Amino acid sequence: MKLRSLVARLASPAPFIFFVASACAQQSNVQQDLIRRQQQSDEFSQQLRQSVERAKAPAGDLKSQQKLETRQLEERHQLENLDQQQLQRAGQPGTPPAFEPQERSRMQQERQRLVEPPPGEGQ
C-alpha cells in the first residue's frame, strides 16, 4: 500500500514536468523563428542596398567595380556567419524569457552594421 501511494505521489508531477519542458521547447523554437525572420529581412535589405550601389558604380572603371564586388561579397559572408552564430546562441538553453526580446534587439544591432551602407556612402 505504501509503495502505491509513493508511486502515485511521484507520478502526479510527471505530466506537469512534461508540459513545462514542452512549453520551454516551443518557446525556444518561437524565438529562433523570430530571429530567422529578422535575419531574412536583413539579408534582403543588404541585397537591395548592394544592388543600388552596383547600379551607381561607374560603368568603365573595372578596378572600382572589382573593389565594390569584393567588399559586398565580404559583407554577405560576414552577415551569413553572424546569422549562424546568432542562431546557435538562440538555441542554447538558459536564457530567461524576460531577456529574449532584449537578446533579439541586441542581435539586430549586431547585424545592422552589415545591412546599412558603409560610413561615408549615402544611399
PDB file of N, CA and C in Angstrom:
ATOM      1  N   MET A   1       0.813  -1.183   0.000  1.00  0.00           N
ATOM      2  CA  MET A   1       0.000   0.000   0.000  1.00  0.00           C
ATOM      3  C   MET A   1       0.865   1.259   0.000  1.00  0.00           C
ATOM      4  N   LYS A   2       1.916   1.255   0.814  1.00  0.00           N
ATOM      5  CA  LYS A   2       2.803   2.418   0.859  1.00  0.00           C
ATOM      6  C   LYS A   2       3.501   2.624  -0.478  1.00  0.00           C
ATOM      7  N   LEU A   3       3.841   1.528  -1.129  1.00  0.00           N
ATOM      8  CA  LEU A   3       4.501   1.626  -2.416  1.00  0.00           C
ATOM      9  C   LEU A   3       3.594   2.292  -3.446  1.00  0.00           C
ATOM     10  N   ARG A   4       2.297   1.947  -3.414  1.00  0.00           N
ATOM     11  CA  ARG A   4       1.359   2.553  -4.356  1.00  0.00           C
ATOM     12  C   ARG A   4       1.219   4.054  -4.104  1.00  0.00           C
ATOM     13  N   SER A   5       1.148   4.446  -2.857  1.00  0.00           N
ATOM     14  CA  SER A   5       0.994   5.883  -2.568  1.00  0.00           C
ATOM     15  C   SER A   5       2.267   6.646  -2.942  1.00  0.00           C
ATOM     16  N   LEU A   6       3.409   6.015  -2.743  1.00  0.00           N
ATOM     17  CA  LEU A   6       4.663   6.642  -3.129  1.00  0.00           C
ATOM     18  C   LEU A   6       4.731   6.804  -4.649  1.00  0.00           C
ATOM     19  N   VAL A   7       4.352   5.771  -5.394  1.00  0.00           N
ATOM     20  CA  VAL A   7       4.342   5.829  -6.851  1.00  0.00           C
ATOM     21  C   VAL A   7       3.350   6.889  -7.316  1.00  0.00           C
ATOM     22  N   ALA A   8       2.194   6.961  -6.675  1.00  0.00           N
ATOM     23  CA  ALA A   8       1.185   7.959  -7.057  1.00  0.00           C
ATOM     24  C   ALA A   8       1.711   9.369  -6.825  1.00  0.00           C
ATOM     25  N   ARG A   9       2.427   9.590  -5.738  1.00  0.00           N
ATOM     26  CA  ARG A   9       2.984  10.914  -5.450  1.00  0.00           C
ATOM     27  C   ARG A   9       4.057  11.298  -6.464  1.00  0.00           C
ATOM     28  N   LEU A  10       4.873  10.339  -6.844  1.00  0.00           N
ATOM     29  CA  LEU A  10       5.933  10.620  -7.806  1.00  0.00           C
ATOM     30  C   LEU A  10       5.386  10.787  -9.216  1.00  0.00           C
ATOM     31  N   ALA A  11       4.346  10.075  -9.549  1.00  0.00           N
ATOM     32  CA  ALA A  11       3.802  10.124 -10.894  1.00  0.00           C
ATOM     33  C   ALA A  11       2.957  11.377 -11.134  1.00  0.00           C
ATOM     34  N   SER A  12       2.393  11.958 -10.107  1.00  0.00           N
ATOM     35  CA  SER A  12       1.498  13.099 -10.305  1.00  0.00           C
ATOM     36  C   SER A  12       2.198  14.335 -10.872  1.00  0.00           C
ATOM     37  N   PRO A  13       3.435  14.666 -10.508  1.00  0.00           N
ATOM     38  CA  PRO A  13       4.056  15.834 -11.130  1.00  0.00           C
ATOM     39  C   PRO A  13       4.611  15.560 -12.534  1.00  0.00           C
ATOM     40  N   ALA A  14       4.642  14.306 -12.942  1.00  0.00           N
ATOM     41  CA  ALA A  14       5.214  13.968 -14.248  1.00  0.00           C
ATOM     42  C   ALA A  14       4.515  14.687 -15.395  1.00  0.00           C
ATOM     43  N   PRO A  15       3.182  14.709 -15.465  1.00  0.00           N
ATOM     44  CA  PRO A  15       2.554  15.446 -16.573  1.00  0.00           C
ATOM     45  C   PRO A  15       2.891  16.937 -16.542  1.00  0.00           C
ATOM     46  N   PHE A  16       2.980  17.508 -15.369  1.00  0.00           N
ATOM     47  CA  PHE A  16       3.310  18.926 -15.244  1.00  0.00           C
ATOM     48  C   PHE A  16       4.721  19.189 -15.749  1.00  0.00           C
ATOM     49  N   ILE A  17       5.649  18.333 -15.370  1.00  0.00           N
ATOM     50  CA  ILE A  17       7.038  18.480 -15.814  1.00  0.00           C
ATOM     51  C   ILE A  17       7.123  18.336 -17.331  1.00  0.00           C
ATOM     52  N   PHE A  18       6.377  17.376 -17.876  1.00  0.00           N
ATOM     53  CA  PHE A  18       6.361  17.189 -19.331  1.00  0.00           C
ATOM     54  C   PHE A  18       5.796  18.431 -20.021  1.00  0.00           C
ATOM     55  N   PHE A  19       4.733  18.987 -19.470  1.00  0.00           N
ATOM     56  CA  PHE A  19       4.111  20.183 -20.033  1.00  0.00           C
ATOM     57  C   PHE A  19       5.080  21.361 -20.009  1.00  0.00           C
ATOM     58  N   VAL A  20       5.769  21.565 -18.899  1.00  0.00           N
ATOM     59  CA  VAL A  20       6.723  22.667 -18.772  1.00  0.00           C
ATOM     60  C   VAL A  20       7.884  22.484 -19.756  1.00  0.00           C
ATOM     61  N   ALA A  21       8.392  21.286 -19.860  1.00  0.00           N
ATOM     62  CA  ALA A  21       9.501  21.029 -20.789  1.00  0.00           C
ATOM     63  C   ALA A  21       9.050  21.272 -22.233  1.00  0.00           C
ATOM     64  N   SER A  22       7.844  20.849 -22.547  1.00  0.00           N
ATOM     65  CA  SER A  22       7.310  21.064 -23.894  1.00  0.00           C
ATOM     66  C   SER A  22       7.123  22.554 -24.177  1.00  0.00           C
ATOM     67  N   ALA A  23       6.605  23.294 -23.205  1.00  0.00           N
ATOM     68  CA  ALA A  23       6.406  24.737 -23.379  1.00  0.00           C
ATOM     69  C   ALA A  23       7.739  25.456 -23.566  1.00  0.00           C
ATOM     70  N   CYS A  24       8.752  25.057 -22.822  1.00  0.00           N
ATOM     71  CA  CYS A  24      10.078  25.674 -22.965  1.00  0.00           C
ATOM     72  C   CYS A  24      10.656  25.401 -24.356  1.00  0.00           C
ATOM     73  N   ALA A  25      10.480  24.189 -24.851  1.00  0.00           N
ATOM     74  CA  ALA A  25      10.986  23.851 -26.182  1.00  0.00           C
ATOM     75  C   ALA A  25      10.255  24.658 -27.249  1.00  0.00           C
ATOM     76  N   GLN A  26       8.952  24.811 -27.102  1.00  0.00           N
ATOM     77  CA  GLN A  26       8.192  25.606 -28.063  1.00  0.00           C
ATOM     78  C   GLN A  26       8.623  27.059 -28.015  1.00  0.00           C
ATOM     79  N   GLN A  27       8.844  27.601 -26.827  1.00  0.00           N
ATOM     80  CA  GLN A  27       9.276  28.995 -26.696  1.00  0.00           C
ATOM     81  C   GLN A  27      10.629  29.199 -27.379  1.00  0.00           C
ATOM     82  N   SER A  28      11.518  28.247 -27.221  1.00  0.00           N
ATOM     83  CA  SER A  28      12.823  28.333 -27.872  1.00  0.00           C
ATOM     84  C   SER A  28      12.659  28.322 -29.393  1.00  0.00           C
ATOM     85  N   ASN A  29      11.770  27.466 -29.899  1.00  0.00           N
ATOM     86  CA  ASN A  29      11.522  27.413 -31.346  1.00  0.00           C
ATOM     87  C   ASN A  29      10.932  28.718 -31.843  1.00  0.00           C
ATOM     88  N   VAL A  30      10.045  29.313 -31.084  1.00  0.00           N
ATOM     89  CA  VAL A  30       9.444  30.588 -31.475  1.00  0.00           C
ATOM     90  C   VAL A  30      10.516  31.666 -31.547  1.00  0.00           C
ATOM     91  N   GLN A  31      11.394  31.699 -30.562  1.00  0.00           N
ATOM     92  CA  GLN A  31      12.470  32.694 -30.554  1.00  0.00           C
ATOM     93  C   GLN A  31      13.386  32.518 -31.758  1.00  0.00           C
ATOM     94  N   GLN A  32      13.730  31.281 -32.073  1.00  0.00           N
ATOM     95  CA  GLN A  32      14.586  31.029 -33.231  1.00  0.00           C
ATOM     96  C   GLN A  32      13.886  31.438 -34.525  1.00  0.00           C
ATOM     97  N   ASP A  33      12.588  31.178 -34.622  1.00  0.00           N
ATOM     98  CA  ASP A  33      11.840  31.578 -35.814  1.00  0.00           C
ATOM     99  C   ASP A  33      11.803  33.097 -35.957  1.00  0.00           C
ATOM    100  N   LEU A  34      11.608  33.811 -34.858  1.00  0.00           N
ATOM    101  CA  LEU A  34      11.615  35.273 -34.907  1.00  0.00           C
ATOM    102  C   LEU A  34      12.966  35.805 -35.365  1.00  0.00           C
ATOM    103  N   ILE A  35      14.027  35.202 -34.867  1.00  0.00           N
ATOM    104  CA  ILE A  35      15.382  35.617 -35.261  1.00  0.00           C
ATOM    105  C   ILE A  35      15.605  35.326 -36.742  1.00  0.00           C
ATOM    106  N   ARG A  36      15.178  34.139 -37.208  1.00  0.00           N
ATOM    107  CA  ARG A  36      15.343  33.794 -38.626  1.00  0.00           C
ATOM    108  C   ARG A  36      14.607  34.783 -39.529  1.00  0.00           C
ATOM    109  N   ARG A  37      13.395  35.158 -39.143  1.00  0.00           N
ATOM    110  CA  ARG A  37      12.620  36.113 -39.958  1.00  0.00           C
ATOM    111  C   ARG A  37      13.340  37.462 -40.043  1.00  0.00           C
ATOM    112  N   GLN A  38      13.883  37.912 -38.927  1.00  0.00           N
ATOM    113  CA  GLN A  38      14.602  39.182 -38.940  1.00  0.00           C
ATOM    114  C   GLN A  38      15.870  39.070 -39.779  1.00  0.00           C
ATOM    115  N   GLN A  39      16.531  37.927 -39.687  1.00  0.00           N
ATOM    116  CA  GLN A  39      17.734  37.720 -40.487  1.00  0.00           C
ATOM    117  C   GLN A  39      17.399  37.726 -41.980  1.00  0.00           C
ATOM    118  N   GLN A  40      16.302  37.108 -42.359  1.00  0.00           N
ATOM    119  CA  GLN A  40      15.901  37.113 -43.765  1.00  0.00           C
ATOM    120  C   GLN A  40      15.618  38.531 -44.239  1.00  0.00           C
ATOM    121  N   SER A  41      14.960  39.298 -43.403  1.00  0.00           N
ATOM    122  CA  SER A  41      14.664  40.689 -43.738  1.00  0.00           C
ATOM    123  C   SER A  41      15.958  41.481 -43.905  1.00  0.00           C
ATOM    124  N   ASP A  42      16.905  41.263 -43.007  1.00  0.00           N
ATOM    125  CA  ASP A  42      18.192  41.955 -43.082  1.00  0.00           C
ATOM    126  C   ASP A  42      18.973  41.549 -44.330  1.00  0.00           C
ATOM    127  N   GLU A  43      18.929  40.270 -44.683  1.00  0.00           N
ATOM    128  CA  GLU A  43      19.613  39.812 -45.890  1.00  0.00           C
ATOM    129  C   GLU A  43      19.010  40.483 -47.123  1.00  0.00           C
ATOM    130  N   PHE A  44      17.697  40.592 -47.167  1.00  0.00           N
ATOM    131  CA  PHE A  44      17.038  41.253 -48.288  1.00  0.00           C
ATOM    132  C   PHE A  44      17.456  42.726 -48.352  1.00  0.00           C
ATOM    133  N   SER A  45      17.472  43.397 -47.210  1.00  0.00           N
ATOM    134  CA  SER A  45      17.875  44.811 -47.170  1.00  0.00           C
ATOM    135  C   SER A  45      19.308  44.979 -47.658  1.00  0.00           C
ATOM    136  N   GLN A  46      20.172  44.067 -47.240  1.00  0.00           N
ATOM    137  CA  GLN A  46      21.561  44.131 -47.678  1.00  0.00           C
ATOM    138  C   GLN A  46      21.660  43.934 -49.193  1.00  0.00           C
ATOM    139  N   GLN A  47      20.933  42.971 -49.728  1.00  0.00           N
ATOM    140  CA  GLN A  47      20.958  42.719 -51.172  1.00  0.00           C
ATOM    141  C   GLN A  47      20.446  43.927 -51.948  1.00  0.00           C
ATOM    142  N   LEU A  48      19.390  44.536 -51.449  1.00  0.00           N
ATOM    143  CA  LEU A  48      18.838  45.712 -52.115  1.00  0.00           C
ATOM    144  C   LEU A  48      19.839  46.865 -52.106  1.00  0.00           C
ATOM    145  N   ARG A  49      20.443  47.115 -50.940  1.00  0.00           N
ATOM    146  CA  ARG A  49      21.440  48.182 -50.838  1.00  0.00           C
ATOM    147  C   ARG A  49      22.608  47.928 -51.781  1.00  0.00           C
ATOM    148  N   GLN A  50      23.081  46.681 -51.825  1.00  0.00           N
ATOM    149  CA  GLN A  50      24.210  46.359 -52.679  1.00  0.00           C
ATOM    150  C   GLN A  50      23.857  46.481 -54.162  1.00  0.00           C
ATOM    151  N   SER A  51      22.627  46.160 -54.522  1.00  0.00           N
ATOM    152  CA  SER A  51      22.192  46.330 -55.916  1.00  0.00           C
ATOM    153  C   SER A  51      22.204  47.804 -56.310  1.00  0.00           C
ATOM    154  N   VAL A  52      21.734  48.655 -55.407  1.00  0.00           N
ATOM    155  CA  VAL A  52      21.738  50.097 -55.670  1.00  0.00           C
ATOM    156  C   VAL A  52      23.171  50.600 -55.812  1.00  0.00           C
ATOM    157  N   GLU A  53      24.065  50.130 -54.937  1.00  0.00           N
ATOM    158  CA  GLU A  53      25.473  50.532 -55.017  1.00  0.00           C
ATOM    159  C   GLU A  53      26.075  50.119 -56.362  1.00  0.00           C
ATOM    160  N   ARG A  54      25.777  48.885 -56.817  1.00  0.00           N
ATOM    161  CA  ARG A  54      26.323  48.420 -58.100  1.00  0.00           C
ATOM    162  C   ARG A  54      25.780  49.251 -59.258  1.00  0.00           C
ATOM    163  N   ALA A  55      24.508  49.631 -59.161  1.00  0.00           N
ATOM    164  CA  ALA A  55      23.914  50.430 -60.237  1.00  0.00           C
ATOM    165  C   ALA A  55      24.543  51.816 -60.315  1.00  0.00           C
ATOM    166  N   LYS A  56      24.996  52.343 -59.169  1.00  0.00           N
ATOM    167  CA  LYS A  56      25.608  53.674 -59.135  1.00  0.00           C
ATOM    168  C   LYS A  56      27.089  53.657 -59.490  1.00  0.00           C
ATOM    169  N   ALA A  57      27.683  52.475 -59.531  1.00  0.00           N
ATOM    170  CA  ALA A  57      29.125  52.374 -59.811  1.00  0.00           C
ATOM    171  C   ALA A  57      29.406  52.783 -61.247  1.00  0.00           C
ATOM    172  N   PRO A  58      30.537  53.465 -61.469  1.00  0.00           N
ATOM    173  CA  PRO A  58      30.888  53.869 -62.835  1.00  0.00           C
ATOM    174  C   PRO A  58      31.103  52.638 -63.726  1.00  0.00           C
ATOM    175  N   ALA A  59      30.487  52.673 -64.895  1.00  0.00           N
ATOM    176  CA  ALA A  59      30.499  51.504 -65.784  1.00  0.00           C
ATOM    177  C   ALA A  59      31.890  51.163 -66.322  1.00  0.00           C
ATOM    178  N   GLY A  60      32.719  52.135 -66.607  1.00  0.00           N
ATOM    179  CA  GLY A  60      34.003  51.863 -67.234  1.00  0.00           C
ATOM    180  C   GLY A  60      35.138  51.575 -66.270  1.00  0.00           C
ATOM    181  N   ASP A  61      34.937  51.771 -64.991  1.00  0.00           N
ATOM    182  CA  ASP A  61      36.019  51.639 -64.008  1.00  0.00           C
ATOM    183  C   ASP A  61      36.013  50.221 -63.421  1.00  0.00           C
ATOM    184  N   LEU A  62      36.729  49.311 -64.080  1.00  0.00           N
ATOM    185  CA  LEU A  62      36.736  47.906 -63.661  1.00  0.00           C
ATOM    186  C   LEU A  62      37.362  47.710 -62.285  1.00  0.00           C
ATOM    187  N   LYS A  63      38.384  48.502 -62.003  1.00  0.00           N
ATOM    188  CA  LYS A  63      39.062  48.352 -60.714  1.00  0.00           C
ATOM    189  C   LYS A  63      38.121  48.698 -59.559  1.00  0.00           C
ATOM    190  N   SER A  64      37.377  49.790 -59.669  1.00  0.00           N
ATOM    191  CA  SER A  64      36.457  50.160 -58.588  1.00  0.00           C
ATOM    192  C   SER A  64      35.277  49.192 -58.524  1.00  0.00           C
ATOM    193  N   GLN A  65      34.871  48.634 -59.672  1.00  0.00           N
ATOM    194  CA  GLN A  65      33.804  47.631 -59.669  1.00  0.00           C
ATOM    195  C   GLN A  65      34.257  46.359 -58.952  1.00  0.00           C
ATOM    196  N   GLN A  66      35.492  45.937 -59.205  1.00  0.00           N
ATOM    197  CA  GLN A  66      36.034  44.760 -58.524  1.00  0.00           C
ATOM    198  C   GLN A  66      36.134  44.998 -57.021  1.00  0.00           C
ATOM    199  N   LYS A  67      36.588  46.174 -56.658  1.00  0.00           N
ATOM    200  CA  LYS A  67      36.715  46.521 -55.248  1.00  0.00           C
ATOM    201  C   LYS A  67      35.334  46.492 -54.578  1.00  0.00           C
ATOM    202  N   LEU A  68      34.329  47.039 -55.250  1.00  0.00           N
ATOM    203  CA  LEU A  68      32.966  47.045 -54.730  1.00  0.00           C
ATOM    204  C   LEU A  68      32.424  45.628 -54.590  1.00  0.00           C
ATOM    205  N   GLU A  69      32.623  44.801 -55.616  1.00  0.00           N
ATOM    206  CA  GLU A  69      32.144  43.423 -55.567  1.00  0.00           C
ATOM    207  C   GLU A  69      32.817  42.629 -54.456  1.00  0.00           C
ATOM    208  N   THR A  70      34.104  42.856 -54.266  1.00  0.00           N
ATOM    209  CA  THR A  70      34.841  42.163 -53.202  1.00  0.00           C
ATOM    210  C   THR A  70      34.302  42.558 -51.828  1.00  0.00           C
ATOM    211  N   ARG A  71      34.092  43.862 -51.634  1.00  0.00           N
ATOM    212  CA  ARG A  71      33.563  44.333 -50.350  1.00  0.00           C
ATOM    213  C   ARG A  71      32.165  43.778 -50.094  1.00  0.00           C
ATOM    214  N   GLN A  72      31.335  43.777 -51.132  1.00  0.00           N
ATOM    215  CA  GLN A  72      29.969  43.290 -50.968  1.00  0.00           C
ATOM    216  C   GLN A  72      29.937  41.795 -50.667  1.00  0.00           C
ATOM    217  N   LEU A  73      30.797  41.039 -51.330  1.00  0.00           N
ATOM    218  CA  LEU A  73      30.879  39.607 -51.063  1.00  0.00           C
ATOM    219  C   LEU A  73      31.316  39.367 -49.622  1.00  0.00           C
ATOM    220  N   GLU A  74      32.288  40.123 -49.170  1.00  0.00           N
ATOM    221  CA  GLU A  74      32.756  40.007 -47.788  1.00  0.00           C
ATOM    222  C   GLU A  74      31.630  40.350 -46.804  1.00  0.00           C
ATOM    223  N   GLU A  75      30.864  41.387 -47.097  1.00  0.00           N
ATOM    224  CA  GLU A  75      29.737  41.753 -46.236  1.00  0.00           C
ATOM    225  C   GLU A  75      28.699  40.633 -46.168  1.00  0.00           C
ATOM    226  N   ARG A  76      28.414  40.006 -47.316  1.00  0.00           N
ATOM    227  CA  ARG A  76      27.434  38.911 -47.329  1.00  0.00           C
ATOM    228  C   ARG A  76      27.928  37.734 -46.496  1.00  0.00           C
ATOM    229  N   HIS A  77      29.220  37.405 -46.635  1.00  0.00           N
ATOM    230  CA  HIS A  77      29.794  36.312 -45.838  1.00  0.00           C
ATOM    231  C   HIS A  77      29.748  36.640 -44.347  1.00  0.00           C
ATOM    232  N   GLN A  78      30.072  37.866 -44.000  1.00  0.00           N
ATOM    233  CA  GLN A  78      30.038  38.265 -42.597  1.00  0.00           C
ATOM    234  C   GLN A  78      28.622  38.149 -42.030  1.00  0.00           C
ATOM    235  N   LEU A  79      27.633  38.584 -42.803  1.00  0.00           N
ATOM    236  CA  LEU A  79      26.242  38.502 -42.338  1.00  0.00           C
ATOM    237  C   LEU A  79      25.807  37.046 -42.195  1.00  0.00           C
ATOM    238  N   GLU A  80      26.178  36.197 -43.145  1.00  0.00           N
ATOM    239  CA  GLU A  80      25.833  34.774 -43.055  1.00  0.00           C
ATOM    240  C   GLU A  80      26.465  34.135 -41.822  1.00  0.00           C
ATOM    241  N   ASN A  81      27.741  34.433 -41.566  1.00  0.00           N
ATOM    242  CA  ASN A  81      28.423  33.878 -40.392  1.00  0.00           C
ATOM    243  C   ASN A  81      27.785  34.368 -39.098  1.00  0.00           C
ATOM    244  N   LEU A  82      27.464  35.655 -39.048  1.00  0.00           N
ATOM    245  CA  LEU A  82      26.822  36.213 -37.864  1.00  0.00           C
ATOM    246  C   LEU A  82      25.454  35.582 -37.647  1.00  0.00           C
ATOM    247  N   ASP A  83      24.709  35.363 -38.725  1.00  0.00           N
ATOM    248  CA  ASP A  83      23.401  34.717 -38.612  1.00  0.00           C
ATOM    249  C   ASP A  83      23.534  33.340 -37.978  1.00  0.00           C
ATOM    250  N   GLN A  84      24.500  32.565 -38.440  1.00  0.00           N
ATOM    251  CA  GLN A  84      24.706  31.223 -37.892  1.00  0.00           C
ATOM    252  C   GLN A  84      25.081  31.269 -36.408  1.00  0.00           C
ATOM    253  N   GLN A  85      25.972  32.185 -36.056  1.00  0.00           N
ATOM    254  CA  GLN A  85      26.368  32.315 -34.651  1.00  0.00           C
ATOM    255  C   GLN A  85      25.167  32.691 -33.784  1.00  0.00           C
ATOM    256  N   GLN A  86      24.346  33.601 -34.278  1.00  0.00           N
ATOM    257  CA  GLN A  86      23.196  34.040 -33.504  1.00  0.00           C
ATOM    258  C   GLN A  86      22.177  32.908 -33.327  1.00  0.00           C
ATOM    259  N   LEU A  87      21.959  32.127 -34.363  1.00  0.00           N
ATOM    260  CA  LEU A  87      21.024  31.007 -34.234  1.00  0.00           C
ATOM    261  C   LEU A  87      21.546  29.963 -33.252  1.00  0.00           C
ATOM    262  N   GLN A  88      22.851  29.763 -33.227  1.00  0.00           N
ATOM    263  CA  GLN A  88      23.418  28.831 -32.256  1.00  0.00           C
ATOM    264  C   GLN A  88      23.228  29.356 -30.841  1.00  0.00           C
ATOM    265  N   ARG A  89      23.468  30.652 -30.655  1.00  0.00           N
ATOM    266  CA  ARG A  89      23.261  31.244 -29.323  1.00  0.00           C
ATOM    267  C   ARG A  89      21.797  31.176 -28.919  1.00  0.00           C
ATOM    268  N   ALA A  90      20.899  31.398 -29.869  1.00  0.00           N
ATOM    269  CA  ALA A  90      19.469  31.389 -29.565  1.00  0.00           C
ATOM    270  C   ALA A  90      18.995  29.993 -29.191  1.00  0.00           C
ATOM    271  N   GLY A  91      19.662  28.965 -29.701  1.00  0.00           N
ATOM    272  CA  GLY A  91      19.266  27.594 -29.408  1.00  0.00           C
ATOM    273  C   GLY A  91      19.773  27.075 -28.087  1.00  0.00           C
ATOM    274  N   GLN A  92      20.617  27.839 -27.419  1.00  0.00           N
ATOM    275  CA  GLN A  92      21.166  27.388 -26.145  1.00  0.00           C
ATOM    276  C   GLN A  92      20.147  27.618 -25.031  1.00  0.00           C
ATOM    277  N   PRO A  93      19.965  26.613 -24.184  1.00  0.00           N
ATOM    278  CA  PRO A  93      19.031  26.791 -23.072  1.00  0.00           C
ATOM    279  C   PRO A  93      19.614  27.734 -22.017  1.00  0.00           C
ATOM    280  N   GLY A  94      18.742  28.267 -21.205  1.00  0.00           N
ATOM    281  CA  GLY A  94      19.201  29.074 -20.087  1.00  0.00           C
ATOM    282  C   GLY A  94      18.908  30.552 -20.205  1.00  0.00           C
ATOM    283  N   THR A  95      18.419  31.000 -21.353  1.00  0.00           N
ATOM    284  CA  THR A  95      18.061  32.414 -21.471  1.00  0.00           C
ATOM    285  C   THR A  95      16.686  32.611 -20.861  1.00  0.00           C
ATOM    286  N   PRO A  96      16.586  33.415 -19.821  1.00  0.00           N
ATOM    287  CA  PRO A  96      15.274  33.640 -19.212  1.00  0.00           C
ATOM    288  C   PRO A  96      14.338  34.316 -20.216  1.00  0.00           C
ATOM    289  N   PRO A  97      13.053  33.938 -20.231  1.00  0.00           N
ATOM    290  CA  PRO A  97      12.113  34.510 -21.198  1.00  0.00           C
ATOM    291  C   PRO A  97      12.053  36.038 -21.165  1.00  0.00           C
ATOM    292  N   ALA A  98      12.264  36.644 -20.020  1.00  0.00           N
ATOM    293  CA  ALA A  98      12.198  38.104 -19.922  1.00  0.00           C
ATOM    294  C   ALA A  98      13.313  38.774 -20.723  1.00  0.00           C
ATOM    295  N   PHE A  99      14.431  38.078 -20.948  1.00  0.00           N
ATOM    296  CA  PHE A  99      15.565  38.661 -21.655  1.00  0.00           C
ATOM    297  C   PHE A  99      15.528  38.385 -23.161  1.00  0.00           C
ATOM    298  N   GLU A 100      14.610  37.536 -23.619  1.00  0.00           N
ATOM    299  CA  GLU A 100      14.602  37.160 -25.030  1.00  0.00           C
ATOM    300  C   GLU A 100      14.372  38.351 -25.963  1.00  0.00           C
ATOM    301  N   PRO A 101      13.411  39.250 -25.685  1.00  0.00           N
ATOM    302  CA  PRO A 101      13.269  40.410 -26.575  1.00  0.00           C
ATOM    303  C   PRO A 101      14.524  41.283 -26.593  1.00  0.00           C
ATOM    304  N   GLN A 102      15.165  41.443 -25.448  1.00  0.00           N
ATOM    305  CA  GLN A 102      16.389  42.239 -25.393  1.00  0.00           C
ATOM    306  C   GLN A 102      17.512  41.550 -26.151  1.00  0.00           C
ATOM    307  N   GLU A 103      17.557  40.245 -26.087  1.00  0.00           N
ATOM    308  CA  GLU A 103      18.579  39.489 -26.811  1.00  0.00           C
ATOM    309  C   GLU A 103      18.361  39.630 -28.324  1.00  0.00           C
ATOM    310  N   ARG A 104      17.100  39.544 -28.762  1.00  0.00           N
ATOM    311  CA  ARG A 104      16.811  39.728 -30.192  1.00  0.00           C
ATOM    312  C   ARG A 104      17.186  41.139 -30.636  1.00  0.00           C
ATOM    313  N   SER A 105      16.918  42.115 -29.798  1.00  0.00           N
ATOM    314  CA  SER A 105      17.269  43.501 -30.128  1.00  0.00           C
ATOM    315  C   SER A 105      18.785  43.657 -30.247  1.00  0.00           C
ATOM    316  N   ARG A 106      19.523  43.038 -29.348  1.00  0.00           N
ATOM    317  CA  ARG A 106      20.981  43.091 -29.394  1.00  0.00           C
ATOM    318  C   ARG A 106      21.500  42.411 -30.662  1.00  0.00           C
ATOM    319  N   MET A 107      20.877  41.300 -31.037  1.00  0.00           N
ATOM    320  CA  MET A 107      21.280  40.607 -32.262  1.00  0.00           C
ATOM    321  C   MET A 107      21.022  41.479 -33.487  1.00  0.00           C
ATOM    322  N   GLN A 108      19.893  42.186 -33.473  1.00  0.00           N
ATOM    323  CA  GLN A 108      19.582  43.095 -34.576  1.00  0.00           C
ATOM    324  C   GLN A 108      20.641  44.184 -34.692  1.00  0.00           C
ATOM    325  N   GLN A 109      21.080  44.712 -33.571  1.00  0.00           N
ATOM    326  CA  GLN A 109      22.122  45.741 -33.591  1.00  0.00           C
ATOM    327  C   GLN A 109      23.426  45.187 -34.137  1.00  0.00           C
ATOM    328  N   GLU A 110      23.749  43.933 -33.812  1.00  0.00           N
ATOM    329  CA  GLU A 110      24.965  43.317 -34.332  1.00  0.00           C
ATOM    330  C   GLU A 110      24.912  43.212 -35.856  1.00  0.00           C
ATOM    331  N   ARG A 111      23.725  42.905 -36.400  1.00  0.00           N
ATOM    332  CA  ARG A 111      23.582  42.743 -37.849  1.00  0.00           C
ATOM    333  C   ARG A 111      23.493  44.079 -38.573  1.00  0.00           C
ATOM    334  N   GLN A 112      23.061  45.120 -37.891  1.00  0.00           N
ATOM    335  CA  GLN A 112      22.776  46.402 -38.530  1.00  0.00           C
ATOM    336  C   GLN A 112      23.982  46.976 -39.269  1.00  0.00           C
ATOM    337  N   ARG A 113      25.164  46.835 -38.723  1.00  0.00           N
ATOM    338  CA  ARG A 113      26.351  47.396 -39.370  1.00  0.00           C
ATOM    339  C   ARG A 113      26.628  46.738 -40.716  1.00  0.00           C
ATOM    340  N   LEU A 114      26.123  45.521 -40.913  1.00  0.00           N
ATOM    341  CA  LEU A 114      26.319  44.823 -42.181  1.00  0.00           C
ATOM    342  C   LEU A 114      25.184  45.087 -43.167  1.00  0.00           C
ATOM    343  N   VAL A 115      24.099  45.642 -42.674  1.00  0.00           N
ATOM    344  CA  VAL A 115      22.931  45.888 -43.514  1.00  0.00           C
ATOM    345  C   VAL A 115      22.912  47.318 -44.022  1.00  0.00           C
ATOM    346  N   GLU A 116      23.293  48.254 -43.159  1.00  0.00           N
ATOM    347  CA  GLU A 116      23.286  49.671 -43.543  1.00  0.00           C
ATOM    348  C   GLU A 116      24.481  49.981 -44.449  1.00  0.00           C
ATOM    349  N   PRO A 117      24.388  51.077 -45.186  1.00  0.00           N
ATOM    350  CA  PRO A 117      25.522  51.442 -46.039  1.00  0.00           C
ATOM    351  C   PRO A 117      26.762  51.763 -45.227  1.00  0.00           C
ATOM    352  N   PRO A 118      27.931  51.498 -45.787  1.00  0.00           N
ATOM    353  CA  PRO A 118      29.173  51.818 -45.076  1.00  0.00           C
ATOM    354  C   PRO A 118      29.255  53.321 -44.794  1.00  0.00           C
ATOM    355  N   PRO A 119      29.976  53.713 -43.760  1.00  0.00           N
ATOM    356  CA  PRO A 119      30.113  55.137 -43.439  1.00  0.00           C
ATOM    357  C   PRO A 119      30.675  55.918 -44.632  1.00  0.00           C
ATOM    358  N   GLY A 120      30.096  57.079 -44.853  1.00  0.00           N
ATOM    359  CA  GLY A 120      30.571  57.930 -45.932  1.00  0.00           C
ATOM    360  C   GLY A 120      29.912  57.643 -47.270  1.00  0.00           C
ATOM    361  N   GLU A 121      29.087  56.587 -47.315  1.00  0.00           N
ATOM    362  CA  GLU A 121      28.388  56.260 -48.558  1.00  0.00           C
ATOM    363  C   GLU A 121      26.902  56.360 -48.311  1.00  0.00           C
ATOM    364  N   GLY A 122      26.307  57.467 -48.701  1.00  0.00           N
ATOM    365  CA  GLY A 122      24.869  57.625 -48.555  1.00  0.00           C
ATOM    366  C   GLY A 122      24.150  56.774 -49.566  1.00  0.00           C
ATOM    367  N   GLN A 123      22.841  56.683 -49.415  1.00  0.00           N
ATOM    368  CA  GLN A 123      22.063  55.860 -50.337  1.00  0.00           C
ATOM    369  C   GLN A 123      21.606  56.647 -51.516  1.00  0.00           C
TER     370      GLN A 123
END
